PDB file of N, CA and C in Angstrom:
ATOM      1  N   UNK A   1      18.087  20.750 -11.705  1.00  0.00           N
ATOM      2  CA  UNK A   1      17.532  20.448 -10.398  1.00  0.00           C
ATOM      3  C   UNK A   1      17.088  18.993 -10.378  1.00  0.00           C
ATOM      4  N   UNK A   2      17.510  18.226  -9.405  1.00  0.00           N
ATOM      5  CA  UNK A   2      17.208  16.799  -9.335  1.00  0.00           C
ATOM      6  C   UNK A   2      15.840  16.517  -8.748  1.00  0.00           C
ATOM      7  N   UNK A   3      15.399  15.309  -8.976  1.00  0.00           N
ATOM      8  CA  UNK A   3      14.126  14.866  -8.418  1.00  0.00           C
ATOM      9  C   UNK A   3      14.280  14.649  -6.918  1.00  0.00           C
ATOM     10  N   UNK A   4      13.159  14.675  -6.224  1.00  0.00           N
ATOM     11  CA  UNK A   4      13.172  14.445  -4.793  1.00  0.00           C
ATOM     12  C   UNK A   4      13.441  12.982  -4.483  1.00  0.00           C
ATOM     13  N   UNK A   5      13.545  12.672  -3.219  1.00  0.00           N
ATOM     14  CA  UNK A   5      13.822  11.278  -2.825  1.00  0.00           C
ATOM     15  C   UNK A   5      12.661  10.362  -3.197  1.00  0.00           C
ATOM     16  N   UNK A   6      13.002   9.137  -3.510  1.00  0.00           N
ATOM     17  CA  UNK A   6      11.978   8.151  -3.809  1.00  0.00           C
ATOM     18  C   UNK A   6      11.356   7.642  -2.516  1.00  0.00           C
ATOM     19  N   UNK A   7      10.107   7.286  -2.591  1.00  0.00           N
ATOM     20  CA  UNK A   7       9.405   6.698  -1.455  1.00  0.00           C
ATOM     21  C   UNK A   7       9.331   5.189  -1.667  1.00  0.00           C
ATOM     22  N   UNK A   8       9.338   4.448  -0.580  1.00  0.00           N
ATOM     23  CA  UNK A   8       9.208   2.996  -0.666  1.00  0.00           C
ATOM     24  C   UNK A   8       7.749   2.634  -0.398  1.00  0.00           C
ATOM     25  N   UNK A   9       7.121   2.041  -1.394  1.00  0.00           N
ATOM     26  CA  UNK A   9       5.724   1.612  -1.289  1.00  0.00           C
ATOM     27  C   UNK A   9       5.669   0.100  -1.125  1.00  0.00           C
ATOM     28  N   UNK A  10       4.725  -0.350  -0.303  1.00  0.00           N
ATOM     29  CA  UNK A  10       4.470  -1.775  -0.133  1.00  0.00           C
ATOM     30  C   UNK A  10       3.155  -2.096  -0.832  1.00  0.00           C
ATOM     31  N   UNK A  11       3.135  -3.193  -1.568  1.00  0.00           N
ATOM     32  CA  UNK A  11       1.921  -3.674  -2.216  1.00  0.00           C
ATOM     33  C   UNK A  11       1.507  -4.965  -1.517  1.00  0.00           C
ATOM     34  N   UNK A  12       0.377  -4.935  -0.838  1.00  0.00           N
ATOM     35  CA  UNK A  12      -0.165  -6.104  -0.155  1.00  0.00           C
ATOM     36  C   UNK A  12      -1.315  -6.641  -1.010  1.00  0.00           C
ATOM     37  N   UNK A  13      -1.073  -7.710  -1.731  1.00  0.00           N
ATOM     38  CA  UNK A  13      -2.098  -8.294  -2.583  1.00  0.00           C
ATOM     39  C   UNK A  13      -3.010  -9.170  -1.730  1.00  0.00           C
ATOM     40  N   UNK A  14      -4.311  -9.154  -2.034  1.00  0.00           N
ATOM     41  CA  UNK A  14      -5.248  -9.969  -1.254  1.00  0.00           C
ATOM     42  C   UNK A  14      -6.158 -10.767  -2.176  1.00  0.00           C
ATOM     43  N   UNK A  15      -6.639 -11.900  -1.630  1.00  0.00           N
ATOM     44  CA  UNK A  15      -7.524 -12.773  -2.404  1.00  0.00           C
ATOM     45  C   UNK A  15      -8.967 -12.579  -1.952  1.00  0.00           C
ATOM     46  N   UNK A  16      -9.876 -13.407  -2.468  1.00  0.00           N
ATOM     47  CA  UNK A  16     -11.305 -13.267  -2.145  1.00  0.00           C
ATOM     48  C   UNK A  16     -11.600 -13.431  -0.658  1.00  0.00           C
ATOM     49  N   UNK A  17     -10.788 -14.208   0.030  1.00  0.00           N
ATOM     50  CA  UNK A  17     -10.976 -14.431   1.469  1.00  0.00           C
ATOM     51  C   UNK A  17     -10.245 -13.380   2.308  1.00  0.00           C
ATOM     52  N   UNK A  18      -9.718 -12.363   1.665  1.00  0.00           N
ATOM     53  CA  UNK A  18      -8.971 -11.272   2.304  1.00  0.00           C
ATOM     54  C   UNK A  18      -7.649 -11.745   2.916  1.00  0.00           C
ATOM     55  N   UNK A  19      -7.144 -12.887   2.441  1.00  0.00           N
ATOM     56  CA  UNK A  19      -5.797 -13.323   2.832  1.00  0.00           C
ATOM     57  C   UNK A  19      -4.806 -12.551   1.979  1.00  0.00           C
ATOM     58  N   UNK A  20      -3.594 -12.441   2.466  1.00  0.00           N
ATOM     59  CA  UNK A  20      -2.554 -11.688   1.764  1.00  0.00           C
ATOM     60  C   UNK A  20      -1.397 -12.617   1.381  1.00  0.00           C
ATOM     61  N   UNK A  21      -1.565 -13.318   0.239  1.00  0.00           N
ATOM     62  CA  UNK A  21      -0.539 -14.289  -0.141  1.00  0.00           C
ATOM     63  C   UNK A  21       0.723 -13.677  -0.747  1.00  0.00           C
ATOM     64  N   UNK A  22       0.679 -12.401  -1.102  1.00  0.00           N
ATOM     65  CA  UNK A  22       1.821 -11.779  -1.780  1.00  0.00           C
ATOM     66  C   UNK A  22       2.124 -10.404  -1.214  1.00  0.00           C
ATOM     67  N   UNK A  23       3.411 -10.084  -1.194  1.00  0.00           N
ATOM     68  CA  UNK A  23       3.887  -8.761  -0.796  1.00  0.00           C
ATOM     69  C   UNK A  23       4.936  -8.346  -1.817  1.00  0.00           C
ATOM     70  N   UNK A  24       4.855  -7.108  -2.256  1.00  0.00           N
ATOM     71  CA  UNK A  24       5.822  -6.590  -3.219  1.00  0.00           C
ATOM     72  C   UNK A  24       6.175  -5.163  -2.817  1.00  0.00           C
ATOM     73  N   UNK A  25       7.248  -4.646  -3.379  1.00  0.00           N
ATOM     74  CA  UNK A  25       7.712  -3.300  -3.057  1.00  0.00           C
ATOM     75  C   UNK A  25       7.961  -2.510  -4.329  1.00  0.00           C
ATOM     76  N   UNK A  26       7.888  -1.183  -4.206  1.00  0.00           N
ATOM     77  CA  UNK A  26       8.120  -0.295  -5.336  1.00  0.00           C
ATOM     78  C   UNK A  26       8.732   0.992  -4.817  1.00  0.00           C
ATOM     79  N   UNK A  27       9.792   1.450  -5.451  1.00  0.00           N
ATOM     80  CA  UNK A  27      10.382   2.754  -5.145  1.00  0.00           C
ATOM     81  C   UNK A  27       9.820   3.753  -6.146  1.00  0.00           C
ATOM     82  N   UNK A  28       9.065   4.726  -5.663  1.00  0.00           N
ATOM     83  CA  UNK A  28       8.441   5.666  -6.580  1.00  0.00           C
ATOM     84  C   UNK A  28       8.465   7.087  -6.075  1.00  0.00           C
ATOM     85  N   UNK A  29       8.221   7.994  -6.986  1.00  0.00           N
ATOM     86  CA  UNK A  29       8.269   9.420  -6.674  1.00  0.00           C
ATOM     87  C   UNK A  29       7.038   9.902  -5.909  1.00  0.00           C
ATOM     88  N   UNK A  30       5.865   9.280  -6.185  1.00  0.00           N
ATOM     89  CA  UNK A  30       4.643   9.768  -5.554  1.00  0.00           C
ATOM     90  C   UNK A  30       3.553   8.699  -5.570  1.00  0.00           C
ATOM     91  N   UNK A  31       2.434   9.009  -4.908  1.00  0.00           N
ATOM     92  CA  UNK A  31       1.323   8.070  -4.798  1.00  0.00           C
ATOM     93  C   UNK A  31       0.756   7.694  -6.160  1.00  0.00           C
ATOM     94  N   UNK A  32       0.628   8.648  -7.050  1.00  0.00           N
ATOM     95  CA  UNK A  32       0.056   8.367  -8.373  1.00  0.00           C
ATOM     96  C   UNK A  32       0.870   7.316  -9.119  1.00  0.00           C
ATOM     97  N   UNK A  33       2.170   7.436  -9.082  1.00  0.00           N
ATOM     98  CA  UNK A  33       3.034   6.453  -9.746  1.00  0.00           C
ATOM     99  C   UNK A  33       2.868   5.081  -9.100  1.00  0.00           C
ATOM    100  N   UNK A  34       2.765   5.049  -7.782  1.00  0.00           N
ATOM    101  CA  UNK A  34       2.608   3.774  -7.077  1.00  0.00           C
ATOM    102  C   UNK A  34       1.295   3.096  -7.448  1.00  0.00           C
ATOM    103  N   UNK A  35       0.226   3.860  -7.603  1.00  0.00           N
ATOM    104  CA  UNK A  35      -1.069   3.278  -7.957  1.00  0.00           C
ATOM    105  C   UNK A  35      -1.038   2.668  -9.350  1.00  0.00           C
ATOM    106  N   UNK A  36      -0.391   3.334 -10.271  1.00  0.00           N
ATOM    107  CA  UNK A  36      -0.279   2.808 -11.637  1.00  0.00           C
ATOM    108  C   UNK A  36       0.470   1.480 -11.627  1.00  0.00           C
ATOM    109  N   UNK A  37       1.572   1.424 -10.913  1.00  0.00           N
ATOM    110  CA  UNK A  37       2.380   0.207 -10.855  1.00  0.00           C
ATOM    111  C   UNK A  37       1.631  -0.896 -10.096  1.00  0.00           C
ATOM    112  N   UNK A  38       0.937  -0.545  -9.022  1.00  0.00           N
ATOM    113  CA  UNK A  38       0.188  -1.544  -8.253  1.00  0.00           C
ATOM    114  C   UNK A  38      -0.858  -2.231  -9.123  1.00  0.00           C
ATOM    115  N   UNK A  39      -1.572  -1.466  -9.925  1.00  0.00           N
ATOM    116  CA  UNK A  39      -2.581  -2.058 -10.814  1.00  0.00           C
ATOM    117  C   UNK A  39      -1.942  -2.931 -11.885  1.00  0.00           C
ATOM    118  N   UNK A  40      -0.817  -2.516 -12.394  1.00  0.00           N
ATOM    119  CA  UNK A  40      -0.115  -3.322 -13.400  1.00  0.00           C
ATOM    120  C   UNK A  40       0.357  -4.634 -12.794  1.00  0.00           C
ATOM    121  N   UNK A  41       0.871  -4.585 -11.571  1.00  0.00           N
ATOM    122  CA  UNK A  41       1.341  -5.812 -10.925  1.00  0.00           C
ATOM    123  C   UNK A  41       0.176  -6.701 -10.504  1.00  0.00           C
ATOM    124  N   UNK A  42      -0.958  -6.104 -10.167  1.00  0.00           N
ATOM    125  CA  UNK A  42      -2.143  -6.894  -9.841  1.00  0.00           C
ATOM    126  C   UNK A  42      -2.548  -7.754 -11.035  1.00  0.00           C
ATOM    127  N   UNK A  43      -2.391  -7.235 -12.229  1.00  0.00           N
ATOM    128  CA  UNK A  43      -2.722  -7.991 -13.435  1.00  0.00           C
ATOM    129  C   UNK A  43      -1.867  -9.249 -13.569  1.00  0.00           C
ATOM    130  N   UNK A  44      -0.692  -9.267 -12.939  1.00  0.00           N
ATOM    131  CA  UNK A  44       0.195 -10.431 -12.991  1.00  0.00           C
ATOM    132  C   UNK A  44      -0.192 -11.526 -11.994  1.00  0.00           C
ATOM    133  N   UNK A  45      -1.071 -11.225 -11.068  1.00  0.00           N
ATOM    134  CA  UNK A  45      -1.421 -12.160  -9.993  1.00  0.00           C
ATOM    135  C   UNK A  45      -2.912 -12.496 -10.078  1.00  0.00           C
ATOM    136  N   UNK A  46      -3.243 -13.449 -10.917  1.00  0.00           N
ATOM    137  CA  UNK A  46      -4.644 -13.774 -11.190  1.00  0.00           C
ATOM    138  C   UNK A  46      -5.397 -14.300  -9.978  1.00  0.00           C
ATOM    139  N   UNK A  47      -4.716 -14.889  -9.007  1.00  0.00           N
ATOM    140  CA  UNK A  47      -5.409 -15.423  -7.829  1.00  0.00           C
ATOM    141  C   UNK A  47      -5.812 -14.326  -6.849  1.00  0.00           C
ATOM    142  N   UNK A  48      -5.332 -13.119  -7.056  1.00  0.00           N
ATOM    143  CA  UNK A  48      -5.633 -12.001  -6.157  1.00  0.00           C
ATOM    144  C   UNK A  48      -6.731 -11.131  -6.760  1.00  0.00           C
ATOM    145  N   UNK A  49      -7.577 -10.583  -5.891  1.00  0.00           N
ATOM    146  CA  UNK A  49      -8.660  -9.718  -6.349  1.00  0.00           C
ATOM    147  C   UNK A  49      -8.364  -8.238  -6.115  1.00  0.00           C
ATOM    148  N   UNK A  50      -7.293  -7.949  -5.375  1.00  0.00           N
ATOM    149  CA  UNK A  50      -6.975  -6.556  -5.109  1.00  0.00           C
ATOM    150  C   UNK A  50      -5.607  -6.372  -4.493  1.00  0.00           C
ATOM    151  N   UNK A  51      -5.292  -5.098  -4.257  1.00  0.00           N
ATOM    152  CA  UNK A  51      -3.999  -4.753  -3.680  1.00  0.00           C
ATOM    153  C   UNK A  51      -4.173  -3.522  -2.788  1.00  0.00           C
ATOM    154  N   UNK A  52      -3.539  -3.575  -1.625  1.00  0.00           N
ATOM    155  CA  UNK A  52      -3.444  -2.395  -0.766  1.00  0.00           C
ATOM    156  C   UNK A  52      -2.075  -1.781  -0.993  1.00  0.00           C
ATOM    157  N   UNK A  53      -2.043  -0.473  -1.094  1.00  0.00           N
ATOM    158  CA  UNK A  53      -0.789   0.251  -1.301  1.00  0.00           C
ATOM    159  C   UNK A  53      -0.500   1.035  -0.016  1.00  0.00           C
ATOM    160  N   UNK A  54       0.676   0.789   0.564  1.00  0.00           N
ATOM    161  CA  UNK A  54       1.091   1.447   1.804  1.00  0.00           C
ATOM    162  C   UNK A  54       2.409   2.169   1.588  1.00  0.00           C
ATOM    163  N   UNK A  55       2.571   3.274   2.311  1.00  0.00           N
ATOM    164  CA  UNK A  55       3.840   4.015   2.286  1.00  0.00           C
ATOM    165  C   UNK A  55       4.074   4.564   3.685  1.00  0.00           C
ATOM    166  N   UNK A  56       5.180   4.158   4.295  1.00  0.00           N
ATOM    167  CA  UNK A  56       5.569   4.639   5.629  1.00  0.00           C
ATOM    168  C   UNK A  56       4.443   4.506   6.657  1.00  0.00           C
ATOM    169  N   UNK A  57       3.790   3.346   6.675  1.00  0.00           N
ATOM    170  CA  UNK A  57       2.730   3.111   7.645  1.00  0.00           C
ATOM    171  C   UNK A  57       1.388   3.720   7.294  1.00  0.00           C
ATOM    172  N   UNK A  58       1.300   4.354   6.166  1.00  0.00           N
ATOM    173  CA  UNK A  58       0.075   5.030   5.723  1.00  0.00           C
ATOM    174  C   UNK A  58      -0.538   4.220   4.584  1.00  0.00           C
ATOM    175  N   UNK A  59      -1.858   3.936   4.684  1.00  0.00           N
ATOM    176  CA  UNK A  59      -2.513   3.274   3.567  1.00  0.00           C
ATOM    177  C   UNK A  59      -2.858   4.324   2.513  1.00  0.00           C
ATOM    178  N   UNK A  60      -2.287   4.155   1.344  1.00  0.00           N
ATOM    179  CA  UNK A  60      -2.514   5.081   0.235  1.00  0.00           C
ATOM    180  C   UNK A  60      -3.825   4.749  -0.458  1.00  0.00           C
ATOM    181  N   UNK A  61      -4.064   3.439  -0.683  1.00  0.00           N
ATOM    182  CA  UNK A  61      -5.279   3.018  -1.383  1.00  0.00           C
ATOM    183  C   UNK A  61      -5.494   1.529  -1.204  1.00  0.00           C
ATOM    184  N   UNK A  62      -6.730   1.133  -1.359  1.00  0.00           N
ATOM    185  CA  UNK A  62      -7.106  -0.288  -1.445  1.00  0.00           C
ATOM    186  C   UNK A  62      -7.867  -0.430  -2.755  1.00  0.00           C
ATOM    187  N   UNK A  63      -7.252  -1.105  -3.692  1.00  0.00           N
ATOM    188  CA  UNK A  63      -7.800  -1.224  -5.037  1.00  0.00           C
ATOM    189  C   UNK A  63      -8.260  -2.660  -5.286  1.00  0.00           C
ATOM    190  N   UNK A  64      -9.390  -2.798  -5.943  1.00  0.00           N
ATOM    191  CA  UNK A  64      -9.885  -4.118  -6.343  1.00  0.00           C
ATOM    192  C   UNK A  64      -9.814  -4.233  -7.854  1.00  0.00           C
ATOM    193  N   UNK A  65      -9.602  -5.453  -8.301  1.00  0.00           N
ATOM    194  CA  UNK A  65      -9.490  -5.713  -9.738  1.00  0.00           C
ATOM    195  C   UNK A  65     -10.709  -5.174 -10.493  1.00  0.00           C
ATOM    196  N   UNK A  66     -11.911  -5.346  -9.920  1.00  0.00           N
ATOM    197  CA  UNK A  66     -13.127  -4.895 -10.593  1.00  0.00           C
ATOM    198  C   UNK A  66     -13.257  -3.374 -10.639  1.00  0.00           C
ATOM    199  N   UNK A  67     -12.456  -2.652  -9.871  1.00  0.00           N
ATOM    200  CA  UNK A  67     -12.455  -1.185  -9.895  1.00  0.00           C
ATOM    201  C   UNK A  67     -11.460  -0.636 -10.922  1.00  0.00           C
ATOM    202  N   UNK A  68     -10.510  -1.447 -11.331  1.00  0.00           N
ATOM    203  CA  UNK A  68      -9.401  -0.936 -12.138  1.00  0.00           C
ATOM    204  C   UNK A  68      -9.856  -0.421 -13.492  1.00  0.00           C
ATOM    205  N   UNK A  69     -10.942  -0.926 -14.023  1.00  0.00           N
ATOM    206  CA  UNK A  69     -11.440  -0.436 -15.317  1.00  0.00           C
ATOM    207  C   UNK A  69     -11.915   1.011 -15.204  1.00  0.00           C
ATOM    208  N   UNK A  70     -12.354   1.391 -14.001  1.00  0.00           N
ATOM    209  CA  UNK A  70     -12.855   2.749 -13.812  1.00  0.00           C
ATOM    210  C   UNK A  70     -11.743   3.757 -13.539  1.00  0.00           C
ATOM    211  N   UNK A  71     -10.548   3.274 -13.265  1.00  0.00           N
ATOM    212  CA  UNK A  71      -9.447   4.190 -12.920  1.00  0.00           C
ATOM    213  C   UNK A  71      -8.700   4.678 -14.137  1.00  0.00           C
TER     214      UNK A  71
END
């Protein structure tokens, strides 16, 4: 039995002024997978303090770098 269709997630990275200098995409099976990848990619963008994860017009999460240690 095959896996279900992948979802397209958007990662909107934001800085301290709440500007969004970066946008990235991820094809994933579910929200949990997208959150793991979003946090990993946030680590690559030192000028950003957080990332919003969206899927099909729905905000999945808004994560901040200072919260990632607790996740």
